């Protein structure tokens, strides 16, 4: 029994000693293996990388995109991208672009950006890859990063502003456009886009139009735009001042003279409107519609002599229905202004002249004054056979008649005797 116990104790001591020896033994020499592998790969890279890089460049030059991406894939797998990571990932991605594989171009660029997070060229290509795939939000995010990476580069801000505008994100677009104008206050495209963004967002763009005009008074289109906005905002008097400044810069602008006439009219300056239209007529004497405009304004001014003079010029330039109708309207408005409570012979002469021109205009397809024509026919105000019969023989002997009252003293035209009288 003692012998058995002794043997068991001795066996336990041996096991314990073995465990201690095992625990204290040094680990396997793995560092040596890793070092040898690193050395082997470095040696392999020194030999293969220059060849692969040369082959990739040659394939790229020859536009062999399949071979280009295959070789660049080997370059990345082998780790040859360590020397020039930007060149490798950039041309690797571009090769995929030429193949129309923008999703794979995106994957390559994202891999490259893990190594070069702030590389501008790679992010530009990534934004392009997103664009071609219709990934608008991702494209916007990339341009947003680019504006932060290169804050002085206006081109990235312009791209971002355009993207925001296309997505109807006008508040964001306005912020970026203002950043552009801080860097380049005279940027005309940004000024125009900012005004448009304000308008589309429902904000008042007036300050933008005003600032653009003040800073670029050599560009009359900005003044014209500003003036038009002022008129739309029911501020025609201010528009008149802007348009006069425009004409100081270019007195031959027909658009400016036309807008000045319209703005003056809107601000109730009828004489100023007439003057502006007359200046416009000097630039284009054959525009009979401008002559009609002048005639209409002077009818409102109750300056019938001048109104008729310009109506005659309109007819002389083009005897279309519109011109003839305006001449009839001058007579009609003068008749309404001058007529006595008991319609006089002179009133009837003018009313009949108005009717004649209204009928001539209607015959040429211009029926705007048809209601006035019908009123004249329905209200016994026309000169007829009984009126002719009652005239003194001296007036009859002339075969025509003209009014004699002071209110119609400007009338030069005579009413011819009807053959049936």
Protein backbone atom coordinates (compact mmCIF):
# COMPACT_ATOMS: atom_id res chain seq x y z
CA UNK A 1 0.00 0.00 0.00
CA UNK A 2 2.82 2.39 0.88
CA UNK A 3 4.58 1.45 -2.36
CA UNK A 4 1.50 2.25 -4.45
CA UNK A 5 1.06 5.65 -2.81
CA UNK A 6 4.71 6.46 -3.37
CA UNK A 7 4.46 5.66 -7.09
CA UNK A 8 1.36 7.81 -7.47
CA UNK A 9 3.03 10.75 -5.77
CA UNK A 10 6.08 10.43 -8.05
CA UNK A 11 3.85 10.39 -11.16
CA UNK A 12 2.07 13.57 -10.05
CA UNK A 13 5.39 15.33 -9.55
CA UNK A 14 6.42 14.44 -13.09
CA UNK A 15 3.15 15.79 -14.59
CA UNK A 16 3.46 19.05 -12.68
CA UNK A 17 7.04 19.49 -13.80
CA UNK A 18 5.98 18.91 -17.40
CA UNK A 19 3.30 21.54 -17.17
CA UNK A 20 5.74 24.05 -15.69
CA UNK A 21 8.26 23.36 -18.43
CA UNK A 22 5.56 23.76 -21.09
CA UNK A 23 4.33 27.07 -19.70
CA UNK A 24 7.82 28.46 -19.50
CA UNK A 25 8.81 27.39 -23.02
CA UNK A 26 9.30 30.30 -25.53
CA UNK A 27 6.52 30.79 -28.25
CA UNK A 28 7.01 29.73 -31.84
CA UNK A 29 9.10 32.15 -33.94
CA UNK A 30 6.08 33.79 -35.90
CA UNK A 31 7.79 37.20 -36.13
CA UNK A 32 10.46 35.63 -38.16
CA UNK A 33 7.88 34.17 -40.52
CA UNK A 34 6.13 37.59 -40.91
CA UNK A 35 9.41 39.33 -41.58
CA UNK A 36 10.29 36.79 -44.21
CA UNK A 37 6.86 37.22 -45.87
CA UNK A 38 7.17 41.01 -45.85
CA UNK A 39 10.64 40.74 -47.33
CA UNK A 40 9.35 38.39 -50.01
CA UNK A 41 6.45 40.71 -50.94
CA UNK A 42 8.67 43.78 -51.01
CA UNK A 43 11.04 41.95 -53.31
CA UNK A 44 8.13 40.89 -55.50
CA UNK A 45 6.80 44.45 -55.62
CA UNK A 46 10.18 45.83 -56.62
CA UNK A 47 10.15 43.53 -59.58
CA UNK A 48 6.48 43.49 -60.60
CA UNK A 49 5.18 46.95 -59.68
CA UNK A 50 7.17 48.94 -62.26
CA UNK A 51 6.12 46.46 -64.95
CA UNK A 52 2.46 46.57 -63.95
CA UNK A 53 2.45 50.37 -63.73
CA UNK A 54 4.07 50.60 -67.15
CA UNK A 55 1.56 48.15 -68.61
CA UNK A 56 -1.39 50.03 -67.07
CA UNK A 57 -0.14 53.32 -68.52
CA UNK A 58 0.29 51.76 -71.95
CA UNK A 59 -3.16 50.18 -71.92
CA UNK A 60 -4.67 53.48 -70.76
CA UNK A 61 -2.88 55.35 -73.53
CA UNK A 62 -4.20 52.91 -76.11
CA UNK A 63 -7.71 53.12 -74.65
CA UNK A 64 -7.77 49.41 -73.90
CA UNK A 65 -10.05 49.82 -70.92
CA UNK A 66 -10.59 46.12 -70.18
CA UNK A 67 -6.86 45.54 -69.87
CA UNK A 68 -6.42 48.80 -67.96
CA UNK A 69 -8.82 47.85 -65.19
CA UNK A 70 -7.46 44.31 -65.03
CA UNK A 71 -3.88 45.52 -64.52
CA UNK A 72 -4.89 48.22 -62.04
CA UNK A 73 -6.74 45.54 -60.10
CA UNK A 74 -3.49 43.54 -59.90
CA UNK A 75 -1.62 46.70 -58.87
CA UNK A 76 -4.00 47.29 -55.95
CA UNK A 77 -4.05 43.62 -54.92
CA UNK A 78 -0.24 43.50 -54.87
CA UNK A 79 -0.02 46.82 -52.99
CA UNK A 80 1.75 48.69 -55.77
CA UNK A 81 -0.54 51.63 -55.11
CA UNK A 82 1.58 52.68 -52.13
CA UNK A 83 3.97 54.78 -54.19
CA UNK A 84 1.33 56.78 -56.12
CA UNK A 85 -2.12 56.05 -54.70
CA UNK A 86 -3.74 59.09 -56.34
CA UNK A 87 -2.59 58.16 -59.84
CA UNK A 88 -3.58 54.52 -59.42
CA UNK A 89 -7.12 55.05 -58.13
CA UNK A 90 -7.84 58.03 -60.35
CA UNK A 91 -6.98 56.33 -63.66
CA UNK A 92 -8.41 53.02 -62.44
CA UNK A 93 -11.75 54.79 -61.87
CA UNK A 94 -11.60 56.72 -65.14
CA UNK A 95 -11.05 53.50 -67.06
CA UNK A 96 -14.28 52.15 -65.57
CA UNK A 97 -15.99 55.41 -66.57
CA UNK A 98 -15.03 54.90 -70.19
CA UNK A 99 -16.51 51.42 -69.97
CA UNK A 100 -19.75 52.93 -68.67
CA UNK A 101 -19.39 51.03 -65.39
CA UNK A 102 -19.95 53.93 -63.03
CA UNK A 103 -20.87 51.73 -60.08
CA UNK A 104 -17.45 50.05 -60.27
CA UNK A 105 -15.80 53.44 -60.74
CA UNK A 106 -17.57 54.53 -57.56
CA UNK A 107 -16.26 51.46 -55.68
CA UNK A 108 -12.67 52.14 -56.79
CA UNK A 109 -12.89 55.80 -55.77
CA UNK A 110 -14.31 54.96 -52.35
CA UNK A 111 -11.44 52.50 -51.87
CA UNK A 112 -8.95 55.19 -52.81
CA UNK A 113 -10.56 57.71 -50.48
CA UNK A 114 -9.97 55.34 -47.57
CA UNK A 115 -6.29 56.02 -48.18
CA UNK A 116 -6.62 59.71 -49.25
CA UNK A 117 -9.71 61.05 -47.54
CA UNK A 118 -9.25 64.66 -48.64
CA UNK A 119 -8.12 64.06 -52.21
CA UNK A 120 -9.94 66.62 -54.36
CA UNK A 121 -9.50 64.88 -57.71
CA UNK A 122 -10.91 61.61 -56.44
CA UNK A 123 -13.90 63.35 -54.91
CA UNK A 124 -14.56 65.18 -58.19
CA UNK A 125 -14.61 61.84 -60.04
CA UNK A 126 -16.83 60.35 -57.34
CA UNK A 127 -19.32 63.20 -57.75
CA UNK A 128 -19.31 62.50 -61.48
CA UNK A 129 -19.90 58.77 -60.90
CA UNK A 130 -22.84 59.63 -58.65
CA UNK A 131 -24.22 61.96 -61.31
CA UNK A 132 -24.09 59.28 -64.01
CA UNK A 133 -25.92 56.87 -61.72
CA UNK A 134 -28.58 59.41 -60.80
CA UNK A 135 -27.49 59.45 -57.16
CA UNK A 136 -28.32 63.12 -56.67
CA UNK A 137 -28.14 63.25 -52.88
CA UNK A 138 -24.74 61.55 -52.88
CA UNK A 139 -23.56 63.94 -55.61
CA UNK A 140 -24.71 66.93 -53.55
CA UNK A 141 -22.91 65.55 -50.49
CA UNK A 142 -19.67 65.23 -52.47
CA UNK A 143 -19.82 68.79 -53.78
CA UNK A 144 -20.60 69.96 -50.27
CA UNK A 145 -17.39 68.26 -49.07
CA UNK A 146 -15.46 69.78 -51.97
CA UNK A 147 -16.62 73.30 -51.05
CA UNK A 148 -15.25 72.68 -47.54
CA UNK A 149 -11.99 71.18 -48.82
CA UNK A 150 -11.37 74.00 -51.31
CA UNK A 151 -13.41 76.98 -50.03
CA UNK A 152 -11.87 79.42 -52.52
CA UNK A 153 -12.79 77.36 -55.60
CA UNK A 154 -15.94 78.91 -57.06
CA UNK A 155 -16.52 76.11 -59.57
CA UNK A 156 -17.51 73.62 -56.86
CA UNK A 157 -19.92 76.12 -55.34
CA UNK A 158 -21.43 76.75 -58.74
CA UNK A 159 -22.02 73.04 -59.27
CA UNK A 160 -23.56 72.74 -55.82
CA UNK A 161 -25.80 75.78 -56.35
CA UNK A 162 -27.04 74.35 -59.64
CA UNK A 163 -27.80 71.02 -58.01
CA UNK A 164 -29.74 72.71 -55.23
CA UNK A 165 -31.69 74.71 -57.79
CA UNK A 166 -32.55 71.61 -59.82
CA UNK A 167 -33.90 70.00 -56.65
CA UNK A 168 -35.94 73.11 -55.76
CA UNK A 169 -33.86 73.56 -52.63
CA UNK A 170 -33.80 77.31 -53.01
CA UNK A 171 -32.89 78.17 -49.42
CA UNK A 172 -29.70 76.08 -49.75
CA UNK A 173 -29.05 77.49 -53.21
CA UNK A 174 -29.30 81.07 -51.92
CA UNK A 175 -26.70 80.35 -49.21
CA UNK A 176 -24.20 78.97 -51.75
CA UNK A 177 -24.81 81.76 -54.26
CA UNK A 178 -24.15 84.34 -51.56
CA UNK A 179 -20.87 82.56 -50.80
CA UNK A 180 -19.94 82.82 -54.48
CA UNK A 181 -20.71 86.54 -54.52
CA UNK A 182 -18.55 87.10 -51.45
CA UNK A 183 -15.63 85.66 -53.42
CA UNK A 184 -16.63 87.23 -56.74
CA UNK A 185 -19.02 90.19 -56.26
CA UNK A 186 -19.19 90.86 -60.02
CA UNK A 187 -20.17 87.32 -60.97
CA UNK A 188 -23.10 88.04 -63.28
CA UNK A 189 -24.32 84.45 -63.48
CA UNK A 190 -24.46 84.15 -59.70
CA UNK A 191 -26.29 87.47 -59.44
CA UNK A 192 -28.92 86.34 -61.91
CA UNK A 193 -29.28 82.91 -60.30
CA UNK A 194 -29.62 84.50 -56.88
CA UNK A 195 -32.40 86.79 -58.03
CA UNK A 196 -34.16 83.84 -59.65
CA UNK A 197 -33.74 81.70 -56.52
CA UNK A 198 -35.23 84.47 -54.38
CA UNK A 199 -38.19 84.74 -56.69
CA UNK A 200 -38.80 80.99 -56.81
CA UNK A 201 -38.52 80.74 -53.04
CA UNK A 202 -41.14 83.42 -52.59
CA UNK A 203 -38.67 85.94 -51.16
CA UNK A 204 -38.28 89.51 -52.41
CA UNK A 205 -35.33 89.61 -54.82
CA UNK A 206 -35.44 93.38 -55.26
CA UNK A 207 -32.22 94.02 -53.35
CA UNK A 208 -30.44 91.53 -55.58
CA UNK A 209 -31.62 93.25 -58.78
CA UNK A 210 -30.74 96.66 -57.39
CA UNK A 211 -27.27 95.58 -56.27
CA UNK A 212 -26.56 93.93 -59.60
CA UNK A 213 -27.53 97.09 -61.51
CA UNK A 214 -25.60 99.45 -59.24
CA UNK A 215 -22.43 97.36 -59.56
CA UNK A 216 -22.76 96.88 -63.33
CA UNK A 217 -24.25 100.05 -64.77
CA UNK A 218 -22.47 99.46 -68.04
CA UNK A 219 -24.72 96.45 -68.56
CA UNK A 220 -28.12 97.96 -69.36
CA UNK A 221 -29.89 94.59 -69.23
CA UNK A 222 -29.48 94.67 -65.45
CA UNK A 223 -31.10 98.08 -65.31
CA UNK A 224 -33.95 96.86 -67.50
CA UNK A 225 -34.47 93.85 -65.25
CA UNK A 226 -34.45 96.02 -62.12
CA UNK A 227 -36.90 98.47 -63.66
CA UNK A 228 -39.24 95.68 -64.70
CA UNK A 229 -39.22 94.30 -61.16
CA UNK A 230 -40.02 97.73 -59.78
CA UNK A 231 -42.99 98.08 -62.12
CA UNK A 232 -44.22 94.62 -61.15
CA UNK A 233 -43.89 95.63 -57.49
CA UNK A 234 -46.10 98.68 -58.21
CA UNK A 235 -43.18 101.09 -57.89
CA UNK A 236 -43.26 102.63 -61.39
CA UNK A 237 -41.87 106.03 -60.37
CA UNK A 238 -38.68 104.36 -59.16
CA UNK A 239 -38.58 102.37 -62.38
CA UNK A 240 -38.69 105.64 -64.32
CA UNK A 241 -35.55 106.86 -62.52
CA UNK A 242 -33.73 103.59 -63.23
CA UNK A 243 -34.71 103.68 -66.90
CA UNK A 244 -33.49 107.25 -67.27
CA UNK A 245 -30.13 106.08 -65.92
CA UNK A 246 -30.18 103.25 -68.43
CA UNK A 247 -30.81 105.70 -71.25
CA UNK A 248 -27.96 107.89 -70.05
CA UNK A 249 -25.78 104.86 -70.71
CA UNK A 250 -27.40 103.93 -74.01
CA UNK A 251 -29.83 106.39 -75.51
CA UNK A 252 -30.43 104.14 -78.52
CA UNK A 253 -32.05 101.32 -76.57
CA UNK A 254 -35.55 100.89 -77.96
CA UNK A 255 -36.43 98.52 -75.14
CA UNK A 256 -35.45 101.14 -72.57
CA UNK A 257 -37.54 103.86 -74.26
CA UNK A 258 -40.51 101.52 -74.48
CA UNK A 259 -40.22 100.53 -70.83
CA UNK A 260 -39.81 104.18 -69.84
CA UNK A 261 -43.02 105.03 -71.71
CA UNK A 262 -44.84 102.18 -69.96
CA UNK A 263 -43.44 103.03 -66.51
CA UNK A 264 -44.29 106.71 -66.96
CA UNK A 265 -47.83 105.75 -67.92
CA UNK A 266 -48.11 103.46 -64.88
CA UNK A 267 -46.97 106.32 -62.64
CA UNK A 268 -49.64 108.57 -64.20
CA UNK A 269 -47.10 110.73 -66.00
CA UNK A 270 -48.92 110.72 -69.32
CA UNK A 271 -46.87 113.52 -70.82
CA UNK A 272 -43.68 111.68 -69.91
CA UNK A 273 -45.10 108.55 -71.49
CA UNK A 274 -45.92 110.41 -74.70
CA UNK A 275 -42.43 111.94 -74.81
CA UNK A 276 -40.80 108.53 -74.36
CA UNK A 277 -42.89 107.00 -77.14
CA UNK A 278 -41.95 109.90 -79.41
CA UNK A 279 -38.25 109.22 -78.76
CA UNK A 280 -38.90 105.57 -79.57
CA UNK A 281 -40.59 106.62 -82.80
CA UNK A 282 -37.45 108.52 -83.80
CA UNK A 283 -35.48 105.29 -83.55
CA UNK A 284 -38.01 103.38 -85.66
CA UNK A 285 -40.17 105.78 -87.73
CA UNK A 286 -41.95 102.89 -89.48
CA UNK A 287 -43.47 101.41 -86.33
CA UNK A 288 -47.09 102.44 -86.74
CA UNK A 289 -48.06 100.83 -83.42
CA UNK A 290 -45.84 103.28 -81.55
CA UNK A 291 -47.63 106.12 -83.35
CA UNK A 292 -50.93 104.61 -82.19
CA UNK A 293 -49.60 104.46 -78.61
CA UNK A 294 -48.73 108.16 -78.74
CA UNK A 295 -52.18 108.94 -80.12
CA UNK A 296 -53.89 106.94 -77.35
CA UNK A 297 -51.92 108.64 -74.58
CA UNK A 298 -52.79 112.06 -75.97
CA UNK A 299 -56.45 111.14 -76.18
CA UNK A 300 -56.27 110.51 -72.43
CA UNK A 301 -54.58 113.89 -72.06
CA UNK A 302 -57.50 115.34 -74.08
CA UNK A 303 -54.94 116.76 -76.46
CA UNK A 304 -56.98 115.73 -79.49
CA UNK A 305 -54.98 117.76 -81.99
CA UNK A 306 -51.78 115.90 -81.14
CA UNK A 307 -53.66 112.61 -80.88
CA UNK A 308 -55.00 113.08 -84.42
CA UNK A 309 -51.59 114.06 -85.76
CA UNK A 310 -50.12 110.77 -84.55
CA UNK A 311 -53.15 108.78 -85.70
CA UNK A 312 -52.60 110.27 -89.16
CA UNK A 313 -48.93 109.18 -88.98
CA UNK A 314 -50.02 105.66 -88.10
CA UNK A 315 -52.41 105.57 -91.08
CA UNK A 316 -49.74 107.06 -93.33
CA UNK A 317 -47.31 104.36 -92.28
CA UNK A 318 -49.80 101.50 -92.47
CA UNK A 319 -53.49 101.91 -93.24
CA UNK A 320 -54.42 98.67 -91.49
CA UNK A 321 -57.61 98.38 -89.48
CA UNK A 322 -55.82 99.19 -86.22
CA UNK A 323 -54.59 102.54 -87.54
CA UNK A 324 -57.96 103.46 -89.06
CA UNK A 325 -59.71 102.44 -85.86
CA UNK A 326 -57.49 104.71 -83.77
CA UNK A 327 -58.22 107.68 -86.02
CA UNK A 328 -61.92 106.98 -85.59
CA UNK A 329 -61.41 106.75 -81.83
CA UNK A 330 -59.80 110.19 -81.67
CA UNK A 331 -62.92 111.62 -83.32
CA UNK A 332 -65.19 109.57 -81.06
CA UNK A 333 -63.45 110.65 -77.82
CA UNK A 334 -63.39 114.26 -78.99
CA UNK A 335 -67.11 114.05 -79.74
CA UNK A 336 -67.81 112.68 -76.24
CA UNK A 337 -65.66 115.44 -74.70
CA UNK A 338 -66.99 118.38 -76.74
CA UNK A 339 -70.63 117.55 -77.43
CA UNK A 340 -73.35 119.85 -76.20
CA UNK A 341 -76.45 118.75 -74.33
CA UNK A 342 -78.39 119.21 -77.55
CA UNK A 343 -76.23 117.54 -80.16
CA UNK A 344 -75.04 120.30 -82.51
CA UNK A 345 -74.31 120.12 -86.21
CA UNK A 346 -70.56 120.21 -85.41
CA UNK A 347 -71.00 117.30 -82.99
CA UNK A 348 -72.75 115.31 -85.69
CA UNK A 349 -69.98 115.99 -88.19
CA UNK A 350 -67.36 114.60 -85.79
CA UNK A 351 -69.55 111.63 -84.85
CA UNK A 352 -70.01 110.78 -88.52
CA UNK A 353 -66.28 111.01 -89.21
CA UNK A 354 -65.72 108.63 -86.29
CA UNK A 355 -68.31 106.24 -87.71
CA UNK A 356 -66.66 106.27 -91.15
CA UNK A 357 -63.28 105.25 -89.75
CA UNK A 358 -64.78 102.63 -87.43
CA UNK A 359 -66.53 101.06 -90.44
CA UNK A 360 -63.32 101.12 -92.48
CA UNK A 361 -61.44 99.45 -89.61
CA UNK A 362 -64.18 96.84 -89.22
CA UNK A 363 -64.08 96.10 -92.94
CA UNK A 364 -60.37 95.30 -92.56
CA UNK A 365 -61.05 92.88 -89.73
CA UNK A 366 -60.36 95.18 -86.80
CA UNK A 367 -63.55 95.14 -84.73
CA UNK A 368 -62.32 96.51 -81.41
CA UNK A 369 -64.44 99.65 -81.78
CA UNK A 370 -67.61 97.86 -82.85
CA UNK A 371 -69.45 98.78 -79.64
CA UNK A 372 -68.64 102.46 -80.16
CA UNK A 373 -69.76 102.16 -83.77
CA UNK A 374 -73.09 100.65 -82.72
CA UNK A 375 -73.60 103.38 -80.12
CA UNK A 376 -73.17 106.07 -82.76
CA UNK A 377 -75.69 104.39 -85.05
CA UNK A 378 -78.23 103.82 -82.30
CA UNK A 379 -78.29 107.29 -80.73
CA UNK A 380 -79.20 109.73 -83.50
CA UNK A 381 -75.95 111.62 -83.37
CA UNK A 382 -74.94 111.22 -87.02
CA UNK A 383 -75.00 113.89 -89.73
CA UNK A 384 -77.61 113.10 -92.40
CA UNK A 385 -79.69 114.50 -95.22
CA UNK A 386 -81.90 116.71 -92.99
CA UNK A 387 -78.82 118.30 -91.47
CA UNK A 388 -77.41 118.99 -94.91
CA UNK A 389 -80.70 120.49 -96.07
CA UNK A 390 -80.68 122.91 -93.12
CA UNK A 391 -77.17 124.21 -93.92
CA UNK A 392 -76.77 127.65 -95.45
CA UNK A 393 -76.17 127.68 -99.20
CA UNK A 394 -72.61 128.97 -98.86
CA UNK A 395 -71.53 125.96 -96.82
CA UNK A 396 -73.42 123.60 -99.10
CA UNK A 397 -71.74 125.00 -102.19
CA UNK A 398 -68.40 123.60 -101.07
CA UNK A 399 -69.70 120.02 -101.34
CA UNK A 400 -68.28 119.15 -97.93
CA UNK A 401 -68.48 120.43 -94.40
CA UNK A 402 -66.19 120.88 -91.40
CA UNK A 403 -67.00 121.87 -87.80
CA UNK A 404 -66.67 125.51 -86.76
CA UNK A 405 -66.81 125.37 -82.95
CA UNK A 406 -63.69 126.13 -80.92
CA UNK A 407 -63.63 122.67 -79.34
CA UNK A 408 -63.13 121.14 -82.81
CA UNK A 409 -60.81 123.82 -84.16
CA UNK A 410 -58.02 121.26 -84.60
CA UNK A 411 -60.04 119.21 -87.10
CA UNK A 412 -58.66 119.54 -90.64
CA UNK A 413 -60.72 116.85 -92.31
CA UNK A 414 -64.01 117.65 -94.01
CA UNK A 415 -67.11 115.48 -94.16
CA UNK A 416 -68.03 114.91 -97.80
CA UNK A 417 -71.65 115.26 -98.96
CA UNK A 418 -73.38 111.94 -99.44
CA UNK A 419 -74.48 111.58 -103.12
CA UNK A 420 -77.99 110.63 -101.97
CA UNK A 421 -78.56 113.94 -100.21
